[in-house]
PDB file of all heavy atoms in Angstrom:
ATOM      1  N   HIS A   1       0.821  -1.200  -0.004  1.00  0.00           N
ATOM      2  CA  HIS A   1      -0.026  -0.033   0.055  1.00  0.00           C
ATOM      3  C   HIS A   1       0.867   1.247   0.004  1.00  0.00           C
ATOM      4  O   HIS A   1       1.576   1.558   0.948  1.00  0.00           O
ATOM      5  CB  HIS A   1      -0.986  -0.063   1.244  1.00  0.00           C
ATOM      6  CG  HIS A   1      -1.883  -1.225   1.108  1.00  0.00           C
ATOM      7  ND1 HIS A   1      -2.850  -1.306   0.175  1.00  0.00           N
ATOM      8  CD2 HIS A   1      -2.026  -2.324   1.825  1.00  0.00           C
ATOM      9  CE1 HIS A   1      -3.527  -2.440   0.242  1.00  0.00           C
ATOM     10  NE2 HIS A   1      -2.963  -3.065   1.349  1.00  0.00           N
ATOM     11  N   TRP A   2       0.869   1.947  -1.157  1.00  0.00           N
ATOM     12  CA  TRP A   2       1.633   3.101  -1.365  1.00  0.00           C
ATOM     13  C   TRP A   2       0.754   4.326  -1.325  1.00  0.00           C
ATOM     14  O   TRP A   2      -0.416   4.160  -1.561  1.00  0.00           O
ATOM     15  CB  TRP A   2       2.373   3.085  -2.662  1.00  0.00           C
ATOM     16  CG  TRP A   2       3.308   1.955  -2.807  1.00  0.00           C
ATOM     17  CD1 TRP A   2       3.905   1.126  -1.824  1.00  0.00           C
ATOM     18  CD2 TRP A   2       3.896   1.483  -4.087  1.00  0.00           C
ATOM     19  NE1 TRP A   2       4.696   0.270  -2.310  1.00  0.00           N
ATOM     20  CE2 TRP A   2       4.702   0.408  -3.714  1.00  0.00           C
ATOM     21  CE3 TRP A   2       3.704   1.726  -5.438  1.00  0.00           C
ATOM     22  CZ2 TRP A   2       5.460  -0.351  -4.699  1.00  0.00           C
ATOM     23  CZ3 TRP A   2       4.380   1.033  -6.348  1.00  0.00           C
ATOM     24  CH2 TRP A   2       5.290  -0.033  -5.980  1.00  0.00           C
ATOM     25  N   VAL A   3       1.307   5.539  -1.125  1.00  0.00           N
ATOM     26  CA  VAL A   3       0.501   6.754  -1.162  1.00  0.00           C
ATOM     27  C   VAL A   3       0.285   7.140  -2.594  1.00  0.00           C
ATOM     28  O   VAL A   3       1.035   6.655  -3.474  1.00  0.00           O
ATOM     29  CB  VAL A   3       1.275   7.867  -0.355  1.00  0.00           C
ATOM     30  CG1 VAL A   3       1.323   7.538   1.085  1.00  0.00           C
ATOM     31  CG2 VAL A   3       2.630   8.140  -0.949  1.00  0.00           C
ATOM     32  N   ALA A   4      -0.729   7.896  -2.852  1.00  0.00           N
ATOM     33  CA  ALA A   4      -1.220   8.263  -4.186  1.00  0.00           C
ATOM     34  C   ALA A   4       0.047   8.936  -4.898  1.00  0.00           C
ATOM     35  O   ALA A   4       0.237   8.795  -6.110  1.00  0.00           O
ATOM     36  CB  ALA A   4      -2.347   9.183  -4.091  1.00  0.00           C
ATOM     37  N   ALA A   5       0.792   9.723  -4.208  1.00  0.00           N
ATOM     38  CA  ALA A   5       1.857  10.498  -4.801  1.00  0.00           C
ATOM     39  C   ALA A   5       2.897   9.541  -5.423  1.00  0.00           C
ATOM     40  O   ALA A   5       3.698   9.935  -6.333  1.00  0.00           O
ATOM     41  CB  ALA A   5       2.526  11.410  -3.776  1.00  0.00           C
ATOM     42  N   GLU A   6       3.136   8.382  -4.829  1.00  0.00           N
ATOM     43  CA  GLU A   6       4.077   7.428  -5.331  1.00  0.00           C
ATOM     44  C   GLU A   6       3.636   6.899  -6.739  1.00  0.00           C
ATOM     45  O   GLU A   6       4.463   6.859  -7.643  1.00  0.00           O
ATOM     46  CB  GLU A   6       4.124   6.174  -4.307  1.00  0.00           C
ATOM     47  CG  GLU A   6       5.255   5.236  -4.786  1.00  0.00           C
ATOM     48  CD  GLU A   6       6.612   5.598  -4.409  1.00  0.00           C
ATOM     49  OE1 GLU A   6       6.786   6.493  -3.523  1.00  0.00           O
ATOM     50  OE2 GLU A   6       7.583   5.023  -4.904  1.00  0.00           O
ATOM     51  N   TYR A   7       2.330   6.615  -6.932  1.00  0.00           N
ATOM     52  CA  TYR A   7       1.842   6.216  -8.195  1.00  0.00           C
ATOM     53  C   TYR A   7       1.984   7.343  -9.194  1.00  0.00           C
ATOM     54  O   TYR A   7       2.337   7.186 -10.387  1.00  0.00           O
ATOM     55  CB  TYR A   7       0.433   5.661  -8.173  1.00  0.00           C
ATOM     56  CG  TYR A   7       0.313   4.445  -7.389  1.00  0.00           C
ATOM     57  CD1 TYR A   7      -0.168   4.303  -6.072  1.00  0.00           C
ATOM     58  CD2 TYR A   7       0.745   3.178  -8.035  1.00  0.00           C
ATOM     59  CE1 TYR A   7      -0.313   3.155  -5.432  1.00  0.00           C
ATOM     60  CE2 TYR A   7       0.664   2.027  -7.365  1.00  0.00           C
ATOM     61  CZ  TYR A   7       0.133   1.932  -6.082  1.00  0.00           C
ATOM     62  OH  TYR A   7       0.058   0.810  -5.381  1.00  0.00           O
ATOM     63  N   ALA A   8       1.646   8.604  -8.822  1.00  0.00           N
ATOM     64  CA  ALA A   8       1.703   9.774  -9.694  1.00  0.00           C
ATOM     65  C   ALA A   8       3.093  10.005 -10.120  1.00  0.00           C
ATOM     66  O   ALA A   8       3.343  10.315 -11.267  1.00  0.00           O
ATOM     67  CB  ALA A   8       1.164  10.934  -8.880  1.00  0.00           C
ATOM     68  N   ALA A   9       4.055   9.792  -9.226  1.00  0.00           N
ATOM     69  CA  ALA A   9       5.484   9.987  -9.571  1.00  0.00           C
ATOM     70  C   ALA A   9       5.926   8.993 -10.588  1.00  0.00           C
ATOM     71  O   ALA A   9       6.770   9.275 -11.610  1.00  0.00           O
ATOM     72  CB  ALA A   9       6.346   9.906  -8.363  1.00  0.00           C
ATOM     73  N   ILE A  10       5.399   7.757 -10.543  1.00  0.00           N
ATOM     74  CA  ILE A  10       5.732   6.710 -11.523  1.00  0.00           C
ATOM     75  C   ILE A  10       5.219   7.116 -12.956  1.00  0.00           C
ATOM     76  O   ILE A  10       5.906   7.078 -13.910  1.00  0.00           O
ATOM     77  CB  ILE A  10       5.191   5.384 -11.136  1.00  0.00           C
ATOM     78  CG1 ILE A  10       5.820   4.813  -9.827  1.00  0.00           C
ATOM     79  CG2 ILE A  10       5.381   4.340 -12.285  1.00  0.00           C
ATOM     80  CD1 ILE A  10       5.078   3.665  -9.208  1.00  0.00           C
ATOM     81  N   VAL A  11       4.022   7.589 -12.943  1.00  0.00           N
ATOM     82  CA  VAL A  11       3.365   7.964 -14.200  1.00  0.00           C
ATOM     83  C   VAL A  11       4.056   9.189 -14.782  1.00  0.00           C
ATOM     84  O   VAL A  11       4.239   9.288 -16.050  1.00  0.00           O
ATOM     85  CB  VAL A  11       1.889   8.176 -14.056  1.00  0.00           C
ATOM     86  CG1 VAL A  11       1.245   8.790 -15.253  1.00  0.00           C
ATOM     87  CG2 VAL A  11       1.191   6.817 -13.733  1.00  0.00           C
ATOM     88  N   ALA A  12       4.457  10.092 -13.974  1.00  0.00           N
ATOM     89  CA  ALA A  12       4.981  11.362 -14.476  1.00  0.00           C
ATOM     90  C   ALA A  12       6.445  11.243 -14.904  1.00  0.00           C
ATOM     91  O   ALA A  12       6.816  12.040 -15.869  1.00  0.00           O
ATOM     92  CB  ALA A  12       4.953  12.409 -13.311  1.00  0.00           C
ATOM     93  N   SER A  13       7.245  10.362 -14.476  1.00  0.00           N
ATOM     94  CA  SER A  13       8.631  10.262 -14.797  1.00  0.00           C
ATOM     95  C   SER A  13       8.941   8.966 -15.397  1.00  0.00           C
ATOM     96  O   SER A  13       8.727   7.894 -14.858  1.00  0.00           O
ATOM     97  CB  SER A  13       9.464  10.470 -13.477  1.00  0.00           C
ATOM     98  OG  SER A  13      10.846  10.381 -13.800  1.00  0.00           O
ATOM     99  N   ARG A  14       9.642   9.031 -16.513  1.00  0.00           N
ATOM    100  CA  ARG A  14      10.103   7.822 -17.204  1.00  0.00           C
ATOM    101  C   ARG A  14      11.594   7.771 -17.378  1.00  0.00           C
ATOM    102  O   ARG A  14      12.075   6.848 -17.918  1.00  0.00           O
ATOM    103  CB  ARG A  14       9.432   7.712 -18.628  1.00  0.00           C
ATOM    104  CG  ARG A  14       7.909   7.727 -18.590  1.00  0.00           C
ATOM    105  CD  ARG A  14       7.409   6.400 -18.768  1.00  0.00           C
ATOM    106  NE  ARG A  14       6.030   6.368 -19.067  1.00  0.00           N
ATOM    107  CZ  ARG A  14       4.979   6.300 -18.190  1.00  0.00           C
ATOM    108  NH1 ARG A  14       5.305   6.178 -16.934  1.00  0.00           N
ATOM    109  NH2 ARG A  14       3.801   6.236 -18.544  1.00  0.00           N
ATOM    110  N   ASP A  15      12.279   8.822 -17.035  1.00  0.00           N
ATOM    111  CA  ASP A  15      13.773   8.924 -17.229  1.00  0.00           C
ATOM    112  C   ASP A  15      14.431   9.048 -15.896  1.00  0.00           C
ATOM    113  O   ASP A  15      13.861   9.210 -14.772  1.00  0.00           O
ATOM    114  CB  ASP A  15      14.049  10.173 -18.066  1.00  0.00           C
ATOM    115  CG  ASP A  15      13.434  10.052 -19.432  1.00  0.00           C
ATOM    116  OD1 ASP A  15      13.424   8.948 -20.002  1.00  0.00           O
ATOM    117  OD2 ASP A  15      12.966  11.012 -19.922  1.00  0.00           O
ATOM    118  N   GLY A  16      15.816   8.906 -15.935  1.00  0.00           N
ATOM    119  CA  GLY A  16      16.617   9.094 -14.770  1.00  0.00           C
ATOM    120  C   GLY A  16      17.310   7.874 -14.357  1.00  0.00           C
ATOM    121  O   GLY A  16      17.125   6.810 -15.039  1.00  0.00           O
ATOM    122  N   GLY A  17      18.020   7.879 -13.301  1.00  0.00           N
ATOM    123  CA  GLY A  17      18.846   6.682 -12.838  1.00  0.00           C
ATOM    124  C   GLY A  17      17.888   5.605 -12.362  1.00  0.00           C
ATOM    125  O   GLY A  17      18.234   4.409 -12.507  1.00  0.00           O
ATOM    126  N   VAL A  18      16.740   5.914 -11.808  1.00  0.00           N
ATOM    127  CA  VAL A  18      15.682   4.850 -11.467  1.00  0.00           C
ATOM    128  C   VAL A  18      14.515   5.088 -12.368  1.00  0.00           C
ATOM    129  O   VAL A  18      13.956   6.179 -12.381  1.00  0.00           O
ATOM    130  CB  VAL A  18      15.290   5.070 -10.036  1.00  0.00           C
ATOM    131  CG1 VAL A  18      14.167   4.100  -9.629  1.00  0.00           C
ATOM    132  CG2 VAL A  18      16.461   4.976  -9.078  1.00  0.00           C
ATOM    133  N   ARG A  19      14.229   4.056 -13.143  1.00  0.00           N
ATOM    134  CA  ARG A  19      13.074   4.161 -14.043  1.00  0.00           C
ATOM    135  C   ARG A  19      12.054   3.250 -13.447  1.00  0.00           C
ATOM    136  O   ARG A  19      12.362   2.068 -13.124  1.00  0.00           O
ATOM    137  CB  ARG A  19      13.578   3.715 -15.369  1.00  0.00           C
ATOM    138  CG  ARG A  19      14.516   4.657 -16.055  1.00  0.00           C
ATOM    139  CD  ARG A  19      15.076   4.137 -17.452  1.00  0.00           C
ATOM    140  NE  ARG A  19      15.812   2.879 -17.192  1.00  0.00           N
ATOM    141  CZ  ARG A  19      17.087   2.668 -17.183  1.00  0.00           C
ATOM    142  NH1 ARG A  19      17.847   3.704 -17.335  1.00  0.00           N
ATOM    143  NH2 ARG A  19      17.579   1.510 -16.936  1.00  0.00           N
ATOM    144  N   ARG A  20      10.778   3.658 -13.486  1.00  0.00           N
ATOM    145  CA  ARG A  20       9.653   2.859 -13.087  1.00  0.00           C
ATOM    146  C   ARG A  20       8.618   2.980 -14.092  1.00  0.00           C
ATOM    147  O   ARG A  20       8.454   4.000 -14.752  1.00  0.00           O
ATOM    148  CB  ARG A  20       9.206   3.388 -11.675  1.00  0.00           C
ATOM    149  CG  ARG A  20      10.300   3.109 -10.600  1.00  0.00           C
ATOM    150  CD  ARG A  20       9.956   3.772  -9.340  1.00  0.00           C
ATOM    151  NE  ARG A  20       9.027   2.851  -8.610  1.00  0.00           N
ATOM    152  CZ  ARG A  20       8.327   3.202  -7.490  1.00  0.00           C
ATOM    153  NH1 ARG A  20       8.366   4.536  -7.110  1.00  0.00           N
ATOM    154  NH2 ARG A  20       7.632   2.412  -6.900  1.00  0.00           N
ATOM    155  N   CYS A  21       7.746   1.898 -14.184  1.00  0.00           N
ATOM    156  CA  CYS A  21       6.657   1.839 -15.103  1.00  0.00           C
ATOM    157  C   CYS A  21       5.512   1.252 -14.493  1.00  0.00           C
ATOM    158  O   CYS A  21       5.672   0.186 -13.814  1.00  0.00           O
ATOM    159  CB  CYS A  21       7.060   1.166 -16.359  1.00  0.00           C
ATOM    160  SG  CYS A  21       6.007   1.537 -17.753  1.00  0.00           S
ATOM    161  N   LEU A  22       4.272   1.858 -14.663  1.00  0.00           N
ATOM    162  CA  LEU A  22       3.058   1.325 -14.179  1.00  0.00           C
ATOM    163  C   LEU A  22       2.212   0.915 -15.344  1.00  0.00           C
ATOM    164  O   LEU A  22       2.009   1.613 -16.275  1.00  0.00           O
ATOM    165  CB  LEU A  22       2.349   2.353 -13.373  1.00  0.00           C
ATOM    166  CG  LEU A  22       0.908   2.130 -12.875  1.00  0.00           C
ATOM    167  CD1 LEU A  22       0.769   0.938 -11.927  1.00  0.00           C
ATOM    168  CD2 LEU A  22       0.329   3.432 -12.280  1.00  0.00           C
ATOM    169  N   PHE A  23       1.851  -0.424 -15.360  1.00  0.00           N
ATOM    170  CA  PHE A  23       1.033  -0.979 -16.351  1.00  0.00           C
ATOM    171  C   PHE A  23      -0.270  -1.263 -15.764  1.00  0.00           C
ATOM    172  O   PHE A  23      -0.458  -1.562 -14.595  1.00  0.00           O
ATOM    173  CB  PHE A  23       1.639  -2.369 -16.869  1.00  0.00           C
ATOM    174  CG  PHE A  23       2.977  -2.244 -17.738  1.00  0.00           C
ATOM    175  CD1 PHE A  23       4.091  -2.230 -17.061  1.00  0.00           C
ATOM    176  CD2 PHE A  23       2.794  -2.049 -19.042  1.00  0.00           C
ATOM    177  CE1 PHE A  23       5.336  -2.130 -17.850  1.00  0.00           C
ATOM    178  CE2 PHE A  23       3.961  -1.864 -19.852  1.00  0.00           C
ATOM    179  CZ  PHE A  23       5.307  -1.946 -19.184  1.00  0.00           C
ATOM    180  N   VAL A  24      -1.360  -1.021 -16.637  1.00  0.00           N
ATOM    181  CA  VAL A  24      -2.697  -1.481 -16.207  1.00  0.00           C
ATOM    182  C   VAL A  24      -3.290  -2.528 -17.167  1.00  0.00           C
ATOM    183  O   VAL A  24      -2.909  -2.583 -18.338  1.00  0.00           O
ATOM    184  CB  VAL A  24      -3.702  -0.222 -16.093  1.00  0.00           C
ATOM    185  CG1 VAL A  24      -3.297   0.736 -15.055  1.00  0.00           C
ATOM    186  CG2 VAL A  24      -3.772   0.486 -17.517  1.00  0.00           C
ATOM    187  N   ALA A  25      -4.159  -3.273 -16.640  1.00  0.00           N
ATOM    188  CA  ALA A  25      -4.996  -4.253 -17.469  1.00  0.00           C
ATOM    189  C   ALA A  25      -6.371  -3.649 -17.445  1.00  0.00           C
ATOM    190  O   ALA A  25      -6.950  -3.394 -16.305  1.00  0.00           O
ATOM    191  CB  ALA A  25      -4.924  -5.575 -16.846  1.00  0.00           C
ATOM    192  N   GLU A  26      -6.968  -3.512 -18.589  1.00  0.00           N
ATOM    193  CA  GLU A  26      -8.356  -3.009 -18.586  1.00  0.00           C
ATOM    194  C   GLU A  26      -9.251  -3.795 -19.491  1.00  0.00           C
ATOM    195  O   GLU A  26      -8.752  -4.488 -20.478  1.00  0.00           O
ATOM    196  CB  GLU A  26      -8.364  -1.542 -19.031  1.00  0.00           C
ATOM    197  CG  GLU A  26      -7.885  -1.291 -20.486  1.00  0.00           C
ATOM    198  CD  GLU A  26      -8.086   0.098 -20.970  1.00  0.00           C
ATOM    199  OE1 GLU A  26      -8.357   1.062 -20.160  1.00  0.00           O
ATOM    200  OE2 GLU A  26      -7.880   0.358 -22.110  1.00  0.00           O
ATOM    201  N   VAL A  27     -10.543  -3.724 -19.104  1.00  0.00           N
ATOM    202  CA  VAL A  27     -11.556  -4.441 -19.962  1.00  0.00           C
ATOM    203  C   VAL A  27     -12.680  -3.368 -20.090  1.00  0.00           C
ATOM    204  O   VAL A  27     -13.175  -2.890 -19.155  1.00  0.00           O
ATOM    205  CB  VAL A  27     -12.150  -5.698 -19.321  1.00  0.00           C
ATOM    206  CG1 VAL A  27     -13.355  -6.279 -20.088  1.00  0.00           C
ATOM    207  CG2 VAL A  27     -11.081  -6.789 -19.147  1.00  0.00           C
ATOM    208  N   GLU A  28     -12.972  -3.060 -21.381  1.00  0.00           N
ATOM    209  CA  GLU A  28     -14.062  -2.095 -21.632  1.00  0.00           C
ATOM    210  C   GLU A  28     -13.828  -0.798 -20.817  1.00  0.00           C
ATOM    211  O   GLU A  28     -14.761  -0.259 -20.290  1.00  0.00           O
ATOM    212  CB  GLU A  28     -15.376  -2.745 -21.368  1.00  0.00           C
ATOM    213  CG  GLU A  28     -15.683  -3.864 -22.308  1.00  0.00           C
ATOM    214  CD  GLU A  28     -16.958  -4.575 -21.939  1.00  0.00           C
ATOM    215  OE1 GLU A  28     -17.778  -4.127 -21.088  1.00  0.00           O
ATOM    216  OE2 GLU A  28     -17.294  -5.608 -22.712  1.00  0.00           O
ATOM    217  N   GLY A  29     -12.614  -0.323 -20.817  1.00  0.00           N
ATOM    218  CA  GLY A  29     -12.294   0.871 -20.174  1.00  0.00           C
ATOM    219  C   GLY A  29     -12.153   0.820 -18.617  1.00  0.00           C
ATOM    220  O   GLY A  29     -11.888   1.865 -18.003  1.00  0.00           O
ATOM    221  N   ARG A  30     -12.319  -0.370 -18.079  1.00  0.00           N
ATOM    222  CA  ARG A  30     -12.296  -0.493 -16.585  1.00  0.00           C
ATOM    223  C   ARG A  30     -10.973  -1.122 -16.202  1.00  0.00           C
ATOM    224  O   ARG A  30     -10.753  -2.230 -16.682  1.00  0.00           O
ATOM    225  CB  ARG A  30     -13.477  -1.312 -16.081  1.00  0.00           C
ATOM    226  CG  ARG A  30     -13.534  -1.374 -14.516  1.00  0.00           C
ATOM    227  CD  ARG A  30     -14.947  -2.076 -14.138  1.00  0.00           C
ATOM    228  NE  ARG A  30     -14.767  -3.523 -14.308  1.00  0.00           N
ATOM    229  CZ  ARG A  30     -14.247  -4.396 -13.440  1.00  0.00           C
ATOM    230  NH1 ARG A  30     -13.681  -3.928 -12.436  1.00  0.00           N
ATOM    231  NH2 ARG A  30     -14.232  -5.676 -13.653  1.00  0.00           N
TER     232      ARG A  30
END
């Protein structure tokens, strides 16, 4: 369980020494 800011930081930043990526699985937009 991470704080919302942690997920937002992953989405906002794709470069740098530490790279993180958030993938989602969706069905009909959900």
